[in-house]
Amino acid sequence: MADSQTIEISIDGPDGGDDLALPAPLVDMFAENDENAAEVVGDLAMINAAQQIHAAVAHGQGEPSEELKAVESLLMSLFEERFGQTFGEMTGHDH
């Protein structure tokens, strides 16, 4: 439930949707230039997805599958397209 302290974002996907409430000041803290709330949350989602896939591929147990490596490669390409830099460049964590 959104109120003056929160902002509600609706996420629509091919198989349904979801609503997410976040603290409005959090969204404001991460906004760059004149980004709107949806763009900020999209950036946060992309960063989190990149962190999760990186952890699974580079820090998981055993050798990652070819499928997992392919998903990572695609996601990292999309990440660089969105942010204009690699995940390693953005985070300082590259190996």
PDB file of N, CA and C in Angstrom:
ATOM      1  N   MET A   1       0.829  -1.175   0.000  1.00  0.00           N
ATOM      2  CA  MET A   1       0.000   0.000   0.000  1.00  0.00           C
ATOM      3  C   MET A   1       0.879   1.246   0.000  1.00  0.00           C
ATOM      4  N   ALA A   2       0.765   2.067  -1.005  1.00  0.00           N
ATOM      5  CA  ALA A   2       1.563   3.282  -1.117  1.00  0.00           C
ATOM      6  C   ALA A   2       0.949   4.403  -0.283  1.00  0.00           C
ATOM      7  N   ASP A   3       1.817   5.214   0.310  1.00  0.00           N
ATOM      8  CA  ASP A   3       1.396   6.408   1.026  1.00  0.00           C
ATOM      9  C   ASP A   3       2.392   7.509   0.709  1.00  0.00           C
ATOM     10  N   SER A   4       2.407   8.597   1.465  1.00  0.00           N
ATOM     11  CA  SER A   4       3.307   9.697   1.157  1.00  0.00           C
ATOM     12  C   SER A   4       4.773   9.343   1.377  1.00  0.00           C
ATOM     13  N   GLN A   5       5.053   8.285   2.111  1.00  0.00           N
ATOM     14  CA  GLN A   5       6.423   7.845   2.383  1.00  0.00           C
ATOM     15  C   GLN A   5       6.934   6.829   1.372  1.00  0.00           C
ATOM     16  N   THR A   6       6.027   6.293   0.569  1.00  0.00           N
ATOM     17  CA  THR A   6       6.406   5.235  -0.368  1.00  0.00           C
ATOM     18  C   THR A   6       5.980   5.586  -1.784  1.00  0.00           C
ATOM     19  N   ILE A   7       6.562   4.870  -2.715  1.00  0.00           N
ATOM     20  CA  ILE A   7       6.174   4.976  -4.112  1.00  0.00           C
ATOM     21  C   ILE A   7       5.871   3.568  -4.596  1.00  0.00           C
ATOM     22  N   GLU A   8       4.802   3.424  -5.342  1.00  0.00           N
ATOM     23  CA  GLU A   8       4.415   2.104  -5.843  1.00  0.00           C
ATOM     24  C   GLU A   8       4.715   2.022  -7.333  1.00  0.00           C
ATOM     25  N   ILE A   9       5.395   0.958  -7.693  1.00  0.00           N
ATOM     26  CA  ILE A   9       5.762   0.695  -9.083  1.00  0.00           C
ATOM     27  C   ILE A   9       5.031  -0.562  -9.533  1.00  0.00           C
ATOM     28  N   SER A  10       4.438  -0.507 -10.710  1.00  0.00           N
ATOM     29  CA  SER A  10       3.810  -1.686 -11.305  1.00  0.00           C
ATOM     30  C   SER A  10       4.764  -2.277 -12.322  1.00  0.00           C
ATOM     31  N   ILE A  11       4.912  -3.591 -12.263  1.00  0.00           N
ATOM     32  CA  ILE A  11       5.781  -4.310 -13.185  1.00  0.00           C
ATOM     33  C   ILE A  11       4.896  -5.242 -14.003  1.00  0.00           C
ATOM     34  N   ASP A  12       4.966  -5.117 -15.312  1.00  0.00           N
ATOM     35  CA  ASP A  12       4.192  -5.972 -16.199  1.00  0.00           C
ATOM     36  C   ASP A  12       5.134  -6.868 -16.976  1.00  0.00           C
ATOM     37  N   GLY A  13       4.781  -8.135 -17.058  1.00  0.00           N
ATOM     38  CA  GLY A  13       5.575  -9.096 -17.808  1.00  0.00           C
ATOM     39  C   GLY A  13       4.680  -9.919 -18.706  1.00  0.00           C
ATOM     40  N   PRO A  14       5.283 -10.791 -19.491  1.00  0.00           N
ATOM     41  CA  PRO A  14       4.502 -11.575 -20.439  1.00  0.00           C
ATOM     42  C   PRO A  14       3.535 -12.559 -19.771  1.00  0.00           C
ATOM     43  N   ASP A  15       3.800 -12.898 -18.507  1.00  0.00           N
ATOM     44  CA  ASP A  15       2.917 -13.861 -17.841  1.00  0.00           C
ATOM     45  C   ASP A  15       2.252 -13.294 -16.593  1.00  0.00           C
ATOM     46  N   GLY A  16       2.180 -11.966 -16.487  1.00  0.00           N
ATOM     47  CA  GLY A  16       1.498 -11.363 -15.353  1.00  0.00           C
ATOM     48  C   GLY A  16       2.204 -10.113 -14.880  1.00  0.00           C
ATOM     49  N   GLY A  17       1.783  -9.639 -13.738  1.00  0.00           N
ATOM     50  CA  GLY A  17       2.345  -8.408 -13.207  1.00  0.00           C
ATOM     51  C   GLY A  17       2.495  -8.463 -11.709  1.00  0.00           C
ATOM     52  N   ASP A  18       3.090  -7.412 -11.181  1.00  0.00           N
ATOM     53  CA  ASP A  18       3.305  -7.301  -9.747  1.00  0.00           C
ATOM     54  C   ASP A  18       3.369  -5.824  -9.402  1.00  0.00           C
ATOM     55  N   ASP A  19       3.064  -5.491  -8.176  1.00  0.00           N
ATOM     56  CA  ASP A  19       3.199  -4.138  -7.664  1.00  0.00           C
ATOM     57  C   ASP A  19       4.231  -4.164  -6.555  1.00  0.00           C
ATOM     58  N   LEU A  20       5.080  -3.152  -6.541  1.00  0.00           N
ATOM     59  CA  LEU A  20       6.170  -3.079  -5.587  1.00  0.00           C
ATOM     60  C   LEU A  20       6.147  -1.706  -4.932  1.00  0.00           C
ATOM     61  N   ALA A  21       6.114  -1.681  -3.602  1.00  0.00           N
ATOM     62  CA  ALA A  21       6.190  -0.420  -2.869  1.00  0.00           C
ATOM     63  C   ALA A  21       7.600  -0.269  -2.317  1.00  0.00           C
ATOM     64  N   LEU A  22       8.177   0.909  -2.538  1.00  0.00           N
ATOM     65  CA  LEU A  22       9.516   1.229  -2.048  1.00  0.00           C
ATOM     66  C   LEU A  22       9.479   2.572  -1.326  1.00  0.00           C
ATOM     67  N   PRO A  23      10.397   2.787  -0.385  1.00  0.00           N
ATOM     68  CA  PRO A  23      10.468   4.103   0.243  1.00  0.00           C
ATOM     69  C   PRO A  23      10.788   5.170  -0.808  1.00  0.00           C
ATOM     70  N   ALA A  24       9.999   6.223  -0.868  1.00  0.00           N
ATOM     71  CA  ALA A  24      10.224   7.289  -1.845  1.00  0.00           C
ATOM     72  C   ALA A  24      11.620   7.899  -1.712  1.00  0.00           C
ATOM     73  N   PRO A  25      12.129   8.122  -0.490  1.00  0.00           N
ATOM     74  CA  PRO A  25      13.482   8.691  -0.391  1.00  0.00           C
ATOM     75  C   PRO A  25      14.552   7.784  -0.986  1.00  0.00           C
ATOM     76  N   LEU A  26      14.360   6.478  -0.934  1.00  0.00           N
ATOM     77  CA  LEU A  26      15.315   5.545  -1.534  1.00  0.00           C
ATOM     78  C   LEU A  26      15.380   5.760  -3.040  1.00  0.00           C
ATOM     79  N   VAL A  27      14.228   5.853  -3.665  1.00  0.00           N
ATOM     80  CA  VAL A  27      14.174   6.068  -5.108  1.00  0.00           C
ATOM     81  C   VAL A  27      14.830   7.408  -5.442  1.00  0.00           C
ATOM     82  N   ASP A  28      14.552   8.426  -4.656  1.00  0.00           N
ATOM     83  CA  ASP A  28      15.163   9.745  -4.882  1.00  0.00           C
ATOM     84  C   ASP A  28      16.684   9.691  -4.756  1.00  0.00           C
ATOM     85  N   MET A  29      17.195   8.916  -3.802  1.00  0.00           N
ATOM     86  CA  MET A  29      18.647   8.817  -3.598  1.00  0.00           C
ATOM     87  C   MET A  29      19.359   8.245  -4.814  1.00  0.00           C
ATOM     88  N   PHE A  30      18.719   7.323  -5.522  1.00  0.00           N
ATOM     89  CA  PHE A  30      19.355   6.664  -6.649  1.00  0.00           C
ATOM     90  C   PHE A  30      19.047   7.316  -7.994  1.00  0.00           C
ATOM     91  N   ALA A  31      18.156   8.287  -8.007  1.00  0.00           N
ATOM     92  CA  ALA A  31      17.809   8.957  -9.263  1.00  0.00           C
ATOM     93  C   ALA A  31      18.972   9.824  -9.726  1.00  0.00           C
ATOM     94  N   GLU A  32      19.299   9.704 -10.990  1.00  0.00           N
ATOM     95  CA  GLU A  32      20.335  10.533 -11.595  1.00  0.00           C
ATOM     96  C   GLU A  32      19.672  11.441 -12.622  1.00  0.00           C
ATOM     97  N   ASN A  33      20.131  12.693 -12.642  1.00  0.00           N
ATOM     98  CA  ASN A  33      19.563  13.693 -13.541  1.00  0.00           C
ATOM     99  C   ASN A  33      18.059  13.775 -13.310  1.00  0.00           C
ATOM    100  N   ASP A  34      17.283  13.580 -14.341  1.00  0.00           N
ATOM    101  CA  ASP A  34      15.831  13.647 -14.181  1.00  0.00           C
ATOM    102  C   ASP A  34      15.179  12.292 -14.447  1.00  0.00           C
ATOM    103  N   GLU A  35      15.820  11.210 -13.964  1.00  0.00           N
ATOM    104  CA  GLU A  35      15.247   9.868 -14.100  1.00  0.00           C
ATOM    105  C   GLU A  35      13.938   9.785 -13.329  1.00  0.00           C
ATOM    106  N   ASN A  36      12.968   9.111 -13.916  1.00  0.00           N
ATOM    107  CA  ASN A  36      11.721   8.883 -13.191  1.00  0.00           C
ATOM    108  C   ASN A  36      11.838   7.621 -12.337  1.00  0.00           C
ATOM    109  N   ALA A  37      10.865   7.405 -11.495  1.00  0.00           N
ATOM    110  CA  ALA A  37      10.904   6.283 -10.553  1.00  0.00           C
ATOM    111  C   ALA A  37      11.009   4.934 -11.268  1.00  0.00           C
ATOM    112  N   ALA A  38      10.310   4.772 -12.378  1.00  0.00           N
ATOM    113  CA  ALA A  38      10.367   3.502 -13.110  1.00  0.00           C
ATOM    114  C   ALA A  38      11.769   3.242 -13.646  1.00  0.00           C
ATOM    115  N   GLU A  39      12.445   4.278 -14.114  1.00  0.00           N
ATOM    116  CA  GLU A  39      13.811   4.111 -14.616  1.00  0.00           C
ATOM    117  C   GLU A  39      14.760   3.738 -13.481  1.00  0.00           C
ATOM    118  N   VAL A  40      14.598   4.372 -12.332  1.00  0.00           N
ATOM    119  CA  VAL A  40      15.444   4.057 -11.174  1.00  0.00           C
ATOM    120  C   VAL A  40      15.253   2.605 -10.764  1.00  0.00           C
ATOM    121  N   VAL A  41      14.006   2.169 -10.667  1.00  0.00           N
ATOM    122  CA  VAL A  41      13.733   0.784 -10.268  1.00  0.00           C
ATOM    123  C   VAL A  41      14.228  -0.181 -11.347  1.00  0.00           C
ATOM    124  N   GLY A  42      14.113   0.181 -12.616  1.00  0.00           N
ATOM    125  CA  GLY A  42      14.663  -0.643 -13.683  1.00  0.00           C
ATOM    126  C   GLY A  42      16.168  -0.792 -13.558  1.00  0.00           C
ATOM    127  N   ASP A  43      16.855   0.316 -13.240  1.00  0.00           N
ATOM    128  CA  ASP A  43      18.304   0.253 -13.031  1.00  0.00           C
ATOM    129  C   ASP A  43      18.639  -0.668 -11.861  1.00  0.00           C
ATOM    130  N   LEU A  44      17.911  -0.514 -10.766  1.00  0.00           N
ATOM    131  CA  LEU A  44      18.164  -1.360  -9.601  1.00  0.00           C
ATOM    132  C   LEU A  44      17.928  -2.835  -9.919  1.00  0.00           C
ATOM    133  N   ALA A  45      16.892  -3.124 -10.693  1.00  0.00           N
ATOM    134  CA  ALA A  45      16.610  -4.513 -11.081  1.00  0.00           C
ATOM    135  C   ALA A  45      17.728  -5.076 -11.954  1.00  0.00           C
ATOM    136  N   MET A  46      18.221  -4.274 -12.900  1.00  0.00           N
ATOM    137  CA  MET A  46      19.297  -4.729 -13.777  1.00  0.00           C
ATOM    138  C   MET A  46      20.573  -4.969 -12.978  1.00  0.00           C
ATOM    139  N   ILE A  47      20.898  -4.056 -12.073  1.00  0.00           N
ATOM    140  CA  ILE A  47      22.101  -4.219 -11.251  1.00  0.00           C
ATOM    141  C   ILE A  47      21.989  -5.477 -10.396  1.00  0.00           C
ATOM    142  N   ASN A  48      20.829  -5.687  -9.790  1.00  0.00           N
ATOM    143  CA  ASN A  48      20.654  -6.873  -8.953  1.00  0.00           C
ATOM    144  C   ASN A  48      20.737  -8.152  -9.774  1.00  0.00           C
ATOM    145  N   ALA A  49      20.128  -8.154 -10.953  1.00  0.00           N
ATOM    146  CA  ALA A  49      20.197  -9.343 -11.808  1.00  0.00           C
ATOM    147  C   ALA A  49      21.645  -9.647 -12.177  1.00  0.00           C
ATOM    148  N   ALA A  50      22.417  -8.602 -12.490  1.00  0.00           N
ATOM    149  CA  ALA A  50      23.828  -8.799 -12.842  1.00  0.00           C
ATOM    150  C   ALA A  50      24.612  -9.330 -11.648  1.00  0.00           C
ATOM    151  N   GLN A  51      24.330  -8.814 -10.460  1.00  0.00           N
ATOM    152  CA  GLN A  51      25.018  -9.310  -9.261  1.00  0.00           C
ATOM    153  C   GLN A  51      24.688 -10.776  -9.020  1.00  0.00           C
ATOM    154  N   GLN A  52      23.434 -11.141  -9.183  1.00  0.00           N
ATOM    155  CA  GLN A  52      23.010 -12.518  -8.934  1.00  0.00           C
ATOM    156  C   GLN A  52      23.621 -13.493  -9.939  1.00  0.00           C
ATOM    157  N   ILE A  53      23.599 -13.116 -11.230  1.00  0.00           N
ATOM    158  CA  ILE A  53      24.154 -14.035 -12.233  1.00  0.00           C
ATOM    159  C   ILE A  53      25.667 -14.117 -12.090  1.00  0.00           C
ATOM    160  N   HIS A  54      26.305 -13.006 -11.752  1.00  0.00           N
ATOM    161  CA  HIS A  54      27.754 -13.029 -11.537  1.00  0.00           C
ATOM    162  C   HIS A  54      28.094 -13.963 -10.368  1.00  0.00           C
ATOM    163  N   ALA A  55      27.352 -13.849  -9.288  1.00  0.00           N
ATOM    164  CA  ALA A  55      27.602 -14.714  -8.130  1.00  0.00           C
ATOM    165  C   ALA A  55      27.430 -16.183  -8.498  1.00  0.00           C
ATOM    166  N   ALA A  56      26.408 -16.492  -9.271  1.00  0.00           N
ATOM    167  CA  ALA A  56      26.157 -17.885  -9.654  1.00  0.00           C
ATOM    168  C   ALA A  56      27.261 -18.436 -10.544  1.00  0.00           C
ATOM    169  N   VAL A  57      27.747 -17.616 -11.478  1.00  0.00           N
ATOM    170  CA  VAL A  57      28.754 -18.086 -12.430  1.00  0.00           C
ATOM    171  C   VAL A  57      30.161 -18.075 -11.824  1.00  0.00           C
ATOM    172  N   ALA A  58      30.528 -16.971 -11.186  1.00  0.00           N
ATOM    173  CA  ALA A  58      31.911 -16.807 -10.737  1.00  0.00           C
ATOM    174  C   ALA A  58      32.170 -17.292  -9.319  1.00  0.00           C
ATOM    175  N   HIS A  59      31.122 -17.363  -8.512  1.00  0.00           N
ATOM    176  CA  HIS A  59      31.333 -17.704  -7.106  1.00  0.00           C
ATOM    177  C   HIS A  59      30.520 -18.914  -6.651  1.00  0.00           C
ATOM    178  N   GLY A  60      29.830 -19.552  -7.591  1.00  0.00           N
ATOM    179  CA  GLY A  60      29.045 -20.733  -7.248  1.00  0.00           C
ATOM    180  C   GLY A  60      29.936 -21.951  -7.091  1.00  0.00           C
ATOM    181  N   GLN A  61      29.347 -23.003  -6.600  1.00  0.00           N
ATOM    182  CA  GLN A  61      30.096 -24.247  -6.424  1.00  0.00           C
ATOM    183  C   GLN A  61      30.157 -24.993  -7.741  1.00  0.00           C
ATOM    184  N   GLY A  62      31.338 -25.496  -8.062  1.00  0.00           N
ATOM    185  CA  GLY A  62      31.498 -26.273  -9.282  1.00  0.00           C
ATOM    186  C   GLY A  62      31.560 -25.386 -10.513  1.00  0.00           C
ATOM    187  N   GLU A  63      31.689 -26.034 -11.634  1.00  0.00           N
ATOM    188  CA  GLU A  63      31.764 -25.343 -12.922  1.00  0.00           C
ATOM    189  C   GLU A  63      30.348 -24.990 -13.383  1.00  0.00           C
ATOM    190  N   PRO A  64      30.119 -23.726 -13.780  1.00  0.00           N
ATOM    191  CA  PRO A  64      28.776 -23.355 -14.249  1.00  0.00           C
ATOM    192  C   PRO A  64      28.459 -24.031 -15.578  1.00  0.00           C
ATOM    193  N   SER A  65      27.190 -24.293 -15.793  1.00  0.00           N
ATOM    194  CA  SER A  65      26.762 -24.930 -17.040  1.00  0.00           C
ATOM    195  C   SER A  65      26.914 -23.953 -18.204  1.00  0.00           C
ATOM    196  N   GLU A  66      26.929 -24.494 -19.392  1.00  0.00           N
ATOM    197  CA  GLU A  66      26.997 -23.659 -20.595  1.00  0.00           C
ATOM    198  C   GLU A  66      25.767 -22.757 -20.686  1.00  0.00           C
ATOM    199  N   GLU A  67      24.614 -23.281 -20.290  1.00  0.00           N
ATOM    200  CA  GLU A  67      23.384 -22.485 -20.311  1.00  0.00           C
ATOM    201  C   GLU A  67      23.503 -21.283 -19.372  1.00  0.00           C
ATOM    202  N   LEU A  68      24.018 -21.505 -18.170  1.00  0.00           N
ATOM    203  CA  LEU A  68      24.181 -20.421 -17.208  1.00  0.00           C
ATOM    204  C   LEU A  68      25.171 -19.380 -17.730  1.00  0.00           C
ATOM    205  N   LYS A  69      26.263 -19.841 -18.340  1.00  0.00           N
ATOM    206  CA  LYS A  69      27.244 -18.917 -18.903  1.00  0.00           C
ATOM    207  C   LYS A  69      26.653 -18.110 -20.057  1.00  0.00           C
ATOM    208  N   ALA A  70      25.787 -18.727 -20.846  1.00  0.00           N
ATOM    209  CA  ALA A  70      25.139 -18.021 -21.952  1.00  0.00           C
ATOM    210  C   ALA A  70      24.182 -16.949 -21.435  1.00  0.00           C
ATOM    211  N   VAL A  71      23.443 -17.275 -20.381  1.00  0.00           N
ATOM    212  CA  VAL A  71      22.534 -16.293 -19.774  1.00  0.00           C
ATOM    213  C   VAL A  71      23.344 -15.127 -19.218  1.00  0.00           C
ATOM    214  N   GLU A  72      24.460 -15.429 -18.548  1.00  0.00           N
ATOM    215  CA  GLU A  72      25.321 -14.368 -18.019  1.00  0.00           C
ATOM    216  C   GLU A  72      25.836 -13.480 -19.149  1.00  0.00           C
ATOM    217  N   SER A  73      26.288 -14.074 -20.215  1.00  0.00           N
ATOM    218  CA  SER A  73      26.827 -13.308 -21.336  1.00  0.00           C
ATOM    219  C   SER A  73      25.785 -12.354 -21.910  1.00  0.00           C
ATOM    220  N   LEU A  74      24.577 -12.852 -22.114  1.00  0.00           N
ATOM    221  CA  LEU A  74      23.497 -12.017 -22.637  1.00  0.00           C
ATOM    222  C   LEU A  74      23.154 -10.895 -21.655  1.00  0.00           C
ATOM    223  N   LEU A  75      23.013 -11.243 -20.383  1.00  0.00           N
ATOM    224  CA  LEU A  75      22.668 -10.235 -19.383  1.00  0.00           C
ATOM    225  C   LEU A  75      23.745  -9.165 -19.292  1.00  0.00           C
ATOM    226  N   MET A  76      25.009  -9.563 -19.312  1.00  0.00           N
ATOM    227  CA  MET A  76      26.084  -8.575 -19.220  1.00  0.00           C
ATOM    228  C   MET A  76      26.131  -7.679 -20.453  1.00  0.00           C
ATOM    229  N   SER A  77      25.764  -8.201 -21.611  1.00  0.00           N
ATOM    230  CA  SER A  77      25.659  -7.362 -22.813  1.00  0.00           C
ATOM    231  C   SER A  77      24.540  -6.343 -22.653  1.00  0.00           C
ATOM    232  N   LEU A  78      23.397  -6.789 -22.135  1.00  0.00           N
ATOM    233  CA  LEU A  78      22.274  -5.883 -21.893  1.00  0.00           C
ATOM    234  C   LEU A  78      22.621  -4.842 -20.830  1.00  0.00           C
ATOM    235  N   PHE A  79      23.373  -5.268 -19.818  1.00  0.00           N
ATOM    236  CA  PHE A  79      23.823  -4.372 -18.756  1.00  0.00           C
ATOM    237  C   PHE A  79      24.692  -3.257 -19.347  1.00  0.00           C
ATOM    238  N   GLU A  80      25.662  -3.641 -20.164  1.00  0.00           N
ATOM    239  CA  GLU A  80      26.563  -2.648 -20.755  1.00  0.00           C
ATOM    240  C   GLU A  80      25.810  -1.711 -21.697  1.00  0.00           C
ATOM    241  N   GLU A  81      24.836  -2.252 -22.410  1.00  0.00           N
ATOM    242  CA  GLU A  81      24.012  -1.428 -23.300  1.00  0.00           C
ATOM    243  C   GLU A  81      23.227  -0.392 -22.493  1.00  0.00           C
ATOM    244  N   ARG A  82      22.702  -0.797 -21.352  1.00  0.00           N
ATOM    245  CA  ARG A  82      21.890   0.107 -20.527  1.00  0.00           C
ATOM    246  C   ARG A  82      22.735   1.178 -19.846  1.00  0.00           C
ATOM    247  N   PHE A  83      23.893   0.778 -19.310  1.00  0.00           N
ATOM    248  CA  PHE A  83      24.676   1.688 -18.479  1.00  0.00           C
ATOM    249  C   PHE A  83      25.894   2.293 -19.181  1.00  0.00           C
ATOM    250  N   GLY A  84      26.260   1.787 -20.346  1.00  0.00           N
ATOM    251  CA  GLY A  84      27.409   2.323 -21.048  1.00  0.00           C
ATOM    252  C   GLY A  84      28.740   1.932 -20.437  1.00  0.00           C
ATOM    253  N   GLN A  85      28.724   0.940 -19.587  1.00  0.00           N
ATOM    254  CA  GLN A  85      29.946   0.395 -18.993  1.00  0.00           C
ATOM    255  C   GLN A  85      29.677  -1.044 -18.561  1.00  0.00           C
ATOM    256  N   THR A  86      30.750  -1.794 -18.380  1.00  0.00           N
ATOM    257  CA  THR A  86      30.581  -3.182 -17.983  1.00  0.00           C
ATOM    258  C   THR A  86      30.243  -3.271 -16.498  1.00  0.00           C
ATOM    259  N   PHE A  87      29.772  -4.433 -16.088  1.00  0.00           N
ATOM    260  CA  PHE A  87      29.501  -4.690 -14.675  1.00  0.00           C
ATOM    261  C   PHE A  87      30.781  -4.513 -13.868  1.00  0.00           C
ATOM    262  N   GLY A  88      31.897  -5.027 -14.380  1.00  0.00           N
ATOM    263  CA  GLY A  88      33.179  -4.890 -13.698  1.00  0.00           C
ATOM    264  C   GLY A  88      33.604  -3.438 -13.542  1.00  0.00           C
ATOM    265  N   GLU A  89      33.413  -2.653 -14.600  1.00  0.00           N
ATOM    266  CA  GLU A  89      33.760  -1.232 -14.519  1.00  0.00           C
ATOM    267  C   GLU A  89      32.881  -0.507 -13.505  1.00  0.00           C
ATOM    268  N   MET A  90      31.604  -0.821 -13.479  1.00  0.00           N
ATOM    269  CA  MET A  90      30.687  -0.134 -12.562  1.00  0.00           C
ATOM    270  C   MET A  90      30.959  -0.498 -11.110  1.00  0.00           C
ATOM    271  N   THR A  91      31.258  -1.755 -10.878  1.00  0.00           N
ATOM    272  CA  THR A  91      31.380  -2.225  -9.491  1.00  0.00           C
ATOM    273  C   THR A  91      32.809  -2.327  -8.998  1.00  0.00           C
ATOM    274  N   GLY A  92      33.774  -2.280  -9.916  1.00  0.00           N
ATOM    275  CA  GLY A  92      35.160  -2.494  -9.528  1.00  0.00           C
ATOM    276  C   GLY A  92      35.456  -3.950  -9.222  1.00  0.00           C
ATOM    277  N   HIS A  93      34.524  -4.818  -9.603  1.00  0.00           N
ATOM    278  CA  HIS A  93      34.652  -6.255  -9.335  1.00  0.00           C
ATOM    279  C   HIS A  93      34.679  -6.976 -10.681  1.00  0.00           C
ATOM    280  N   ASP A  94      35.872  -7.228 -11.163  1.00  0.00           N
ATOM    281  CA  ASP A  94      36.004  -7.836 -12.488  1.00  0.00           C
ATOM    282  C   ASP A  94      37.003  -8.986 -12.421  1.00  0.00           C
ATOM    283  N   HIS A  95      36.574 -10.133 -12.864  1.00  0.00           N
ATOM    284  CA  HIS A  95      37.483 -11.288 -12.981  1.00  0.00           C
ATOM    285  C   HIS A  95      36.926 -12.268 -13.959  1.00  0.00           C
TER     286      HIS A  95
END
